[in-house]
Amino acid sequence: MTLTTRERELFLAEPHIGALSVAERPDRAPLTVPIWYQYSPGGELWVRTGPDSRKARAIRAAGRFALMAQRTDPTVRYVSVEGPVTRIEEDSPERSREMAARYLPADKVDGFVEYDRTRLGGHVLIFMRPEHWISADLGGF
């Protein structure tokens, strides 16, 4: 049921919607929100968010976060990673386009990038080094 290192890295590299979790306050459960992410096997995982968003503030304070990606078809499979923030960078048009192209049909990318640039405000890129992994494929059930 547990995935090999190669299987889990390849799965995480697919364009799933991630569930980002970060400790925000000691008296509350972690903040958990859906998010687009980017990952290449063996590398860092990164997300884009507003520089003053609730999740960005929580990630800066905690210095680490977790992200879980899952699917239900053809089998139930998930990968969860957790690790330290390695850096936070200003966003760029190239990174915005890269993320949009990962999740949207090719004919929708330009429109989204324009909307993102003119309506959503600035973003930062938050990079995380996956340190702890949990994964499973429940294909046998």
N, C-alpha and C. Protein backbone atom coordinates (compact mmCIF):
# COMPACT_ATOMS: atom_id res chain seq x y z
N MET A 1 0.80 -1.20 0.00
CA MET A 1 0.00 0.00 0.00
C MET A 1 0.85 1.27 0.00
N THR A 2 2.00 1.26 0.67
CA THR A 2 2.87 2.42 0.67
C THR A 2 3.54 2.54 -0.69
N LEU A 3 3.67 3.75 -1.19
CA LEU A 3 4.31 3.99 -2.48
C LEU A 3 5.82 4.01 -2.34
N THR A 4 6.51 3.62 -3.40
CA THR A 4 7.97 3.75 -3.41
C THR A 4 8.32 5.23 -3.51
N THR A 5 9.57 5.55 -3.28
CA THR A 5 10.02 6.94 -3.41
C THR A 5 9.71 7.47 -4.80
N ARG A 6 10.01 6.71 -5.83
CA ARG A 6 9.76 7.15 -7.21
C ARG A 6 8.26 7.34 -7.47
N GLU A 7 7.45 6.39 -7.01
CA GLU A 7 6.00 6.48 -7.21
C GLU A 7 5.42 7.72 -6.53
N ARG A 8 5.84 7.98 -5.30
CA ARG A 8 5.28 9.12 -4.58
C ARG A 8 5.73 10.44 -5.19
N GLU A 9 6.99 10.52 -5.66
CA GLU A 9 7.46 11.75 -6.28
C GLU A 9 6.76 12.00 -7.61
N LEU A 10 6.57 10.96 -8.40
CA LEU A 10 5.86 11.12 -9.68
C LEU A 10 4.40 11.50 -9.45
N PHE A 11 3.78 10.92 -8.45
CA PHE A 11 2.39 11.27 -8.14
C PHE A 11 2.29 12.73 -7.72
N LEU A 12 3.17 13.17 -6.84
CA LEU A 12 3.13 14.55 -6.38
C LEU A 12 3.39 15.52 -7.53
N ALA A 13 4.15 15.10 -8.54
CA ALA A 13 4.43 15.96 -9.69
C ALA A 13 3.23 16.13 -10.62
N GLU A 14 2.22 15.29 -10.47
CA GLU A 14 1.00 15.44 -11.27
C GLU A 14 0.21 16.65 -10.78
N PRO A 15 -0.62 17.26 -11.63
CA PRO A 15 -1.34 18.48 -11.24
C PRO A 15 -2.61 18.24 -10.43
N HIS A 16 -2.43 17.80 -9.21
CA HIS A 16 -3.55 17.66 -8.28
C HIS A 16 -3.78 18.99 -7.56
N ILE A 17 -4.97 19.20 -7.06
CA ILE A 17 -5.19 20.33 -6.16
C ILE A 17 -4.67 19.90 -4.80
N GLY A 18 -3.78 20.68 -4.24
CA GLY A 18 -3.21 20.34 -2.95
C GLY A 18 -4.06 20.86 -1.81
N ALA A 19 -3.94 20.23 -0.67
CA ALA A 19 -4.52 20.74 0.57
C ALA A 19 -3.34 21.17 1.44
N LEU A 20 -3.14 22.48 1.54
CA LEU A 20 -2.03 23.03 2.30
C LEU A 20 -2.47 23.17 3.75
N SER A 21 -1.63 22.73 4.67
CA SER A 21 -1.91 22.87 6.10
C SER A 21 -0.72 23.52 6.78
N VAL A 22 -1.05 24.44 7.68
CA VAL A 22 0.01 25.13 8.42
C VAL A 22 -0.53 25.49 9.81
N ALA A 23 0.33 25.30 10.81
CA ALA A 23 -0.05 25.69 12.17
C ALA A 23 -0.17 27.20 12.21
N GLU A 24 -1.30 27.65 12.69
CA GLU A 24 -1.54 29.10 12.73
C GLU A 24 -1.56 29.63 14.17
N ARG A 25 -2.21 28.88 15.04
CA ARG A 25 -2.32 29.29 16.44
C ARG A 25 -2.29 28.04 17.31
N PRO A 26 -1.72 28.13 18.50
CA PRO A 26 -1.63 26.94 19.35
C PRO A 26 -2.98 26.43 19.84
N ASP A 27 -4.00 27.28 19.86
CA ASP A 27 -5.30 26.86 20.39
C ASP A 27 -6.27 26.44 19.29
N ARG A 28 -5.79 26.26 18.06
CA ARG A 28 -6.65 25.90 16.93
C ARG A 28 -6.01 24.77 16.13
N ALA A 29 -6.85 24.07 15.40
CA ALA A 29 -6.34 23.09 14.45
C ALA A 29 -5.61 23.84 13.34
N PRO A 30 -4.78 23.15 12.55
CA PRO A 30 -4.05 23.85 11.48
C PRO A 30 -5.00 24.48 10.46
N LEU A 31 -4.58 25.60 9.92
CA LEU A 31 -5.26 26.21 8.78
C LEU A 31 -5.04 25.27 7.59
N THR A 32 -6.11 24.85 6.93
CA THR A 32 -6.02 23.94 5.79
C THR A 32 -6.85 24.50 4.66
N VAL A 33 -6.19 24.73 3.50
CA VAL A 33 -6.86 25.34 2.36
C VAL A 33 -6.42 24.66 1.06
N PRO A 34 -7.30 24.65 0.05
CA PRO A 34 -6.90 24.10 -1.25
C PRO A 34 -5.96 25.07 -1.96
N ILE A 35 -5.03 24.52 -2.75
CA ILE A 35 -4.07 25.39 -3.43
C ILE A 35 -3.44 24.68 -4.62
N TRP A 36 -3.12 25.45 -5.64
CA TRP A 36 -2.30 24.95 -6.74
C TRP A 36 -0.85 24.91 -6.25
N TYR A 37 -0.10 23.94 -6.71
CA TYR A 37 1.30 23.82 -6.32
C TYR A 37 2.10 23.31 -7.50
N GLN A 38 3.42 23.40 -7.39
CA GLN A 38 4.33 22.89 -8.41
C GLN A 38 5.39 22.05 -7.72
N TYR A 39 5.74 20.93 -8.37
CA TYR A 39 6.77 20.04 -7.83
C TYR A 39 7.38 19.24 -8.96
N SER A 40 8.70 19.07 -8.91
CA SER A 40 9.41 18.17 -9.80
C SER A 40 10.14 17.16 -8.94
N PRO A 41 10.13 15.87 -9.33
CA PRO A 41 10.76 14.85 -8.51
C PRO A 41 12.18 15.23 -8.08
N GLY A 42 12.41 15.07 -6.78
CA GLY A 42 13.72 15.36 -6.20
C GLY A 42 13.94 16.81 -5.84
N GLY A 43 13.01 17.68 -6.20
CA GLY A 43 13.19 19.11 -5.97
C GLY A 43 12.34 19.65 -4.84
N GLU A 44 12.21 20.96 -4.86
CA GLU A 44 11.37 21.64 -3.88
C GLU A 44 9.94 21.73 -4.41
N LEU A 45 9.01 21.83 -3.49
CA LEU A 45 7.62 22.09 -3.82
C LEU A 45 7.42 23.59 -3.62
N TRP A 46 6.62 24.23 -4.49
CA TRP A 46 6.33 25.65 -4.28
C TRP A 46 4.88 25.97 -4.56
N VAL A 47 4.42 27.02 -3.89
CA VAL A 47 3.06 27.53 -4.02
C VAL A 47 3.14 29.03 -4.25
N ARG A 48 2.06 29.58 -4.82
CA ARG A 48 1.92 31.04 -5.00
C ARG A 48 0.78 31.50 -4.11
N THR A 49 0.98 32.64 -3.47
CA THR A 49 -0.09 33.21 -2.65
C THR A 49 0.17 34.70 -2.46
N GLY A 50 -0.84 35.41 -2.02
CA GLY A 50 -0.67 36.82 -1.72
C GLY A 50 0.32 37.00 -0.59
N PRO A 51 1.17 38.02 -0.67
CA PRO A 51 2.21 38.18 0.36
C PRO A 51 1.66 38.42 1.76
N ASP A 52 0.46 38.96 1.85
CA ASP A 52 -0.13 39.23 3.16
C ASP A 52 -1.34 38.34 3.45
N SER A 53 -1.46 37.24 2.69
CA SER A 53 -2.58 36.33 2.92
C SER A 53 -2.42 35.65 4.27
N ARG A 54 -3.52 35.15 4.77
CA ARG A 54 -3.51 34.43 6.05
C ARG A 54 -2.52 33.27 6.01
N LYS A 55 -2.54 32.50 4.90
CA LYS A 55 -1.63 31.36 4.83
C LYS A 55 -0.17 31.80 4.74
N ALA A 56 0.12 32.89 4.01
CA ALA A 56 1.50 33.37 3.93
C ALA A 56 2.00 33.81 5.30
N ARG A 57 1.17 34.52 6.02
CA ARG A 57 1.56 34.95 7.38
C ARG A 57 1.81 33.75 8.29
N ALA A 58 0.93 32.76 8.20
CA ALA A 58 1.09 31.56 9.04
C ALA A 58 2.34 30.78 8.66
N ILE A 59 2.60 30.66 7.37
CA ILE A 59 3.79 29.93 6.93
C ILE A 59 5.06 30.65 7.37
N ARG A 60 5.08 31.97 7.23
CA ARG A 60 6.26 32.72 7.70
C ARG A 60 6.49 32.49 9.20
N ALA A 61 5.43 32.53 9.97
CA ALA A 61 5.55 32.37 11.42
C ALA A 61 5.99 30.96 11.79
N ALA A 62 5.43 29.96 11.13
CA ALA A 62 5.73 28.56 11.46
C ALA A 62 7.06 28.10 10.87
N GLY A 63 7.43 28.65 9.71
CA GLY A 63 8.66 28.24 9.05
C GLY A 63 8.57 26.92 8.33
N ARG A 64 7.36 26.36 8.25
CA ARG A 64 7.17 25.08 7.57
C ARG A 64 5.68 24.91 7.28
N PHE A 65 5.36 23.97 6.41
CA PHE A 65 3.96 23.66 6.12
C PHE A 65 3.89 22.26 5.56
N ALA A 66 2.67 21.77 5.41
CA ALA A 66 2.42 20.46 4.83
C ALA A 66 1.49 20.63 3.64
N LEU A 67 1.58 19.68 2.72
CA LEU A 67 0.68 19.67 1.57
C LEU A 67 0.32 18.22 1.26
N MET A 68 -0.97 17.99 1.04
CA MET A 68 -1.46 16.66 0.69
C MET A 68 -2.14 16.72 -0.66
N ALA A 69 -1.82 15.76 -1.52
CA ALA A 69 -2.47 15.62 -2.83
C ALA A 69 -3.10 14.24 -2.87
N GLN A 70 -4.28 14.15 -3.49
CA GLN A 70 -4.98 12.87 -3.54
C GLN A 70 -5.75 12.71 -4.83
N ARG A 71 -6.12 11.48 -5.10
CA ARG A 71 -7.04 11.16 -6.20
C ARG A 71 -7.95 10.04 -5.71
N THR A 72 -9.05 9.83 -6.43
CA THR A 72 -9.96 8.75 -6.08
C THR A 72 -10.14 7.76 -7.22
N ASP A 73 -9.62 8.08 -8.41
CA ASP A 73 -9.81 7.22 -9.57
C ASP A 73 -8.52 7.12 -10.37
N PRO A 74 -8.03 5.98 -10.75
CA PRO A 74 -8.70 4.69 -10.73
C PRO A 74 -8.59 3.98 -9.38
N THR A 75 -7.72 4.45 -8.51
CA THR A 75 -7.65 3.94 -7.14
C THR A 75 -7.49 5.13 -6.21
N VAL A 76 -7.79 4.91 -4.93
CA VAL A 76 -7.55 5.95 -3.95
C VAL A 76 -6.05 5.98 -3.66
N ARG A 77 -5.46 7.14 -3.92
CA ARG A 77 -4.02 7.31 -3.71
C ARG A 77 -3.80 8.70 -3.14
N TYR A 78 -2.84 8.80 -2.23
CA TYR A 78 -2.49 10.11 -1.70
C TYR A 78 -1.00 10.18 -1.37
N VAL A 79 -0.51 11.40 -1.37
CA VAL A 79 0.84 11.70 -0.92
C VAL A 79 0.75 12.96 -0.06
N SER A 80 1.37 12.90 1.09
CA SER A 80 1.44 14.06 1.97
C SER A 80 2.91 14.35 2.25
N VAL A 81 3.29 15.62 2.12
CA VAL A 81 4.66 16.03 2.42
C VAL A 81 4.63 17.16 3.43
N GLU A 82 5.69 17.22 4.22
CA GLU A 82 5.82 18.28 5.21
C GLU A 82 7.29 18.63 5.28
N GLY A 83 7.56 19.93 5.42
CA GLY A 83 8.95 20.32 5.52
C GLY A 83 9.14 21.81 5.73
N PRO A 84 10.40 22.21 5.83
CA PRO A 84 10.71 23.61 6.11
C PRO A 84 10.63 24.48 4.86
N VAL A 85 10.30 25.72 5.08
CA VAL A 85 10.36 26.71 4.02
C VAL A 85 11.84 26.96 3.73
N THR A 86 12.20 26.90 2.47
CA THR A 86 13.60 27.14 2.09
C THR A 86 13.84 28.55 1.61
N ARG A 87 12.79 29.18 1.07
CA ARG A 87 12.90 30.57 0.65
C ARG A 87 11.53 31.09 0.24
N ILE A 88 11.41 32.40 0.24
CA ILE A 88 10.22 33.09 -0.25
C ILE A 88 10.71 34.12 -1.25
N GLU A 89 10.14 34.08 -2.47
CA GLU A 89 10.58 34.97 -3.54
C GLU A 89 9.40 35.76 -4.08
N GLU A 90 9.71 36.87 -4.70
CA GLU A 90 8.68 37.61 -5.44
C GLU A 90 8.23 36.77 -6.63
N ASP A 91 6.98 36.86 -6.96
CA ASP A 91 6.42 36.17 -8.13
C ASP A 91 6.94 36.83 -9.41
N SER A 92 6.76 36.14 -10.51
CA SER A 92 7.13 36.68 -11.81
C SER A 92 6.07 36.27 -12.82
N PRO A 93 5.98 36.97 -13.94
CA PRO A 93 5.03 36.55 -14.98
C PRO A 93 5.30 35.13 -15.47
N GLU A 94 6.57 34.73 -15.51
CA GLU A 94 6.91 33.38 -15.96
C GLU A 94 6.39 32.32 -14.98
N ARG A 95 6.52 32.57 -13.70
CA ARG A 95 6.03 31.60 -12.71
C ARG A 95 4.50 31.55 -12.69
N SER A 96 3.87 32.71 -12.87
CA SER A 96 2.41 32.75 -12.95
C SER A 96 1.94 31.91 -14.13
N ARG A 97 2.57 32.07 -15.26
CA ARG A 97 2.22 31.31 -16.46
C ARG A 97 2.50 29.82 -16.26
N GLU A 98 3.62 29.49 -15.65
CA GLU A 98 3.96 28.08 -15.39
C GLU A 98 2.89 27.40 -14.55
N MET A 99 2.44 28.09 -13.50
CA MET A 99 1.42 27.50 -12.63
C MET A 99 0.10 27.37 -13.37
N ALA A 100 -0.30 28.42 -14.09
CA ALA A 100 -1.57 28.38 -14.82
C ALA A 100 -1.55 27.27 -15.86
N ALA A 101 -0.44 27.10 -16.55
CA ALA A 101 -0.34 26.06 -17.59
C ALA A 101 -0.39 24.66 -16.99
N ARG A 102 -0.01 24.53 -15.76
CA ARG A 102 -0.07 23.23 -15.08
C ARG A 102 -1.51 22.79 -14.84
N TYR A 103 -2.40 23.74 -14.59
CA TYR A 103 -3.76 23.42 -14.18
C TYR A 103 -4.85 23.72 -15.19
N LEU A 104 -4.59 24.58 -16.14
CA LEU A 104 -5.64 25.03 -17.05
C LEU A 104 -5.40 24.54 -18.47
N PRO A 105 -6.47 24.41 -19.27
CA PRO A 105 -6.29 24.11 -20.70
C PRO A 105 -5.48 25.23 -21.36
N ALA A 106 -4.72 24.89 -22.38
CA ALA A 106 -3.83 25.85 -23.04
C ALA A 106 -4.55 27.11 -23.48
N ASP A 107 -5.79 26.98 -23.95
CA ASP A 107 -6.52 28.16 -24.45
C ASP A 107 -7.03 29.06 -23.32
N LYS A 108 -6.87 28.67 -22.09
CA LYS A 108 -7.32 29.48 -20.94
C LYS A 108 -6.17 30.15 -20.20
N VAL A 109 -4.94 29.77 -20.49
CA VAL A 109 -3.79 30.25 -19.73
C VAL A 109 -3.61 31.76 -19.86
N ASP A 110 -3.60 32.30 -21.09
CA ASP A 110 -3.38 33.73 -21.27
C ASP A 110 -4.42 34.56 -20.53
N GLY A 111 -5.69 34.17 -20.63
CA GLY A 111 -6.75 34.89 -19.94
C GLY A 111 -6.57 34.87 -18.44
N PHE A 112 -6.20 33.71 -17.90
CA PHE A 112 -5.99 33.63 -16.46
C PHE A 112 -4.82 34.48 -16.02
N VAL A 113 -3.71 34.42 -16.77
CA VAL A 113 -2.53 35.20 -16.40
C VAL A 113 -2.86 36.70 -16.40
N GLU A 114 -3.62 37.14 -17.38
CA GLU A 114 -4.03 38.55 -17.43
C GLU A 114 -4.93 38.89 -16.23
N TYR A 115 -5.89 38.04 -15.94
CA TYR A 115 -6.77 38.24 -14.79
C TYR A 115 -5.94 38.27 -13.50
N ASP A 116 -5.05 37.33 -13.35
CA ASP A 116 -4.19 37.23 -12.18
C ASP A 116 -3.40 38.52 -12.01
N ARG A 117 -2.80 39.00 -13.09
CA ARG A 117 -1.95 40.19 -13.04
C ARG A 117 -2.74 41.45 -12.72
N THR A 118 -3.93 41.60 -13.30
CA THR A 118 -4.69 42.84 -13.15
C THR A 118 -5.69 42.85 -12.00
N ARG A 119 -6.12 41.68 -11.54
CA ARG A 119 -7.19 41.65 -10.54
C ARG A 119 -6.80 41.05 -9.18
N LEU A 120 -5.81 40.18 -9.18
CA LEU A 120 -5.52 39.47 -7.93
C LEU A 120 -4.37 40.07 -7.12
N GLY A 121 -3.66 41.02 -7.68
CA GLY A 121 -2.58 41.65 -6.94
C GLY A 121 -1.32 40.81 -6.95
N GLY A 122 -0.33 41.27 -6.21
CA GLY A 122 0.97 40.60 -6.18
C GLY A 122 0.92 39.27 -5.45
N HIS A 123 1.88 38.45 -5.79
CA HIS A 123 2.03 37.14 -5.16
C HIS A 123 3.48 36.94 -4.74
N VAL A 124 3.68 36.00 -3.86
CA VAL A 124 5.01 35.50 -3.54
C VAL A 124 5.01 34.01 -3.83
N LEU A 125 6.19 33.49 -4.01
CA LEU A 125 6.41 32.05 -4.18
C LEU A 125 7.02 31.55 -2.89
N ILE A 126 6.42 30.52 -2.33
CA ILE A 126 6.93 29.94 -1.09
C ILE A 126 7.42 28.53 -1.41
N PHE A 127 8.70 28.29 -1.18
CA PHE A 127 9.34 27.02 -1.50
C PHE A 127 9.52 26.21 -0.23
N MET A 128 9.28 24.91 -0.36
CA MET A 128 9.40 23.99 0.76
C MET A 128 10.20 22.75 0.32
N ARG A 129 11.10 22.31 1.18
CA ARG A 129 11.84 21.08 0.92
C ARG A 129 11.10 19.92 1.60
N PRO A 130 10.51 19.01 0.81
CA PRO A 130 9.83 17.87 1.43
C PRO A 130 10.79 17.08 2.32
N GLU A 131 10.43 16.96 3.57
CA GLU A 131 11.28 16.31 4.55
C GLU A 131 10.63 15.02 5.08
N HIS A 132 9.33 15.06 5.26
CA HIS A 132 8.58 13.92 5.78
C HIS A 132 7.48 13.58 4.78
N TRP A 133 7.38 12.30 4.44
CA TRP A 133 6.41 11.83 3.44
C TRP A 133 5.51 10.79 4.04
N ILE A 134 4.24 10.84 3.67
CA ILE A 134 3.28 9.77 3.94
C ILE A 134 2.58 9.50 2.62
N SER A 135 2.45 8.24 2.24
CA SER A 135 1.80 7.93 0.97
C SER A 135 1.16 6.56 1.02
N ALA A 136 0.14 6.40 0.20
CA ALA A 136 -0.51 5.10 0.11
C ALA A 136 -1.33 5.03 -1.18
N ASP A 137 -1.50 3.80 -1.65
CA ASP A 137 -2.42 3.51 -2.73
C ASP A 137 -3.29 2.37 -2.25
N LEU A 138 -4.58 2.62 -2.18
CA LEU A 138 -5.52 1.62 -1.68
C LEU A 138 -6.13 0.83 -2.82
N GLY A 139 -5.36 0.61 -3.87
CA GLY A 139 -5.83 -0.05 -5.09
C GLY A 139 -6.28 -1.48 -4.88
N GLY A 140 -5.84 -2.12 -3.84
CA GLY A 140 -6.22 -3.50 -3.61
C GLY A 140 -7.56 -3.66 -2.93
N PHE A 141 -8.24 -2.57 -2.65
CA PHE A 141 -9.51 -2.65 -1.90
C PHE A 141 -10.66 -2.17 -2.73
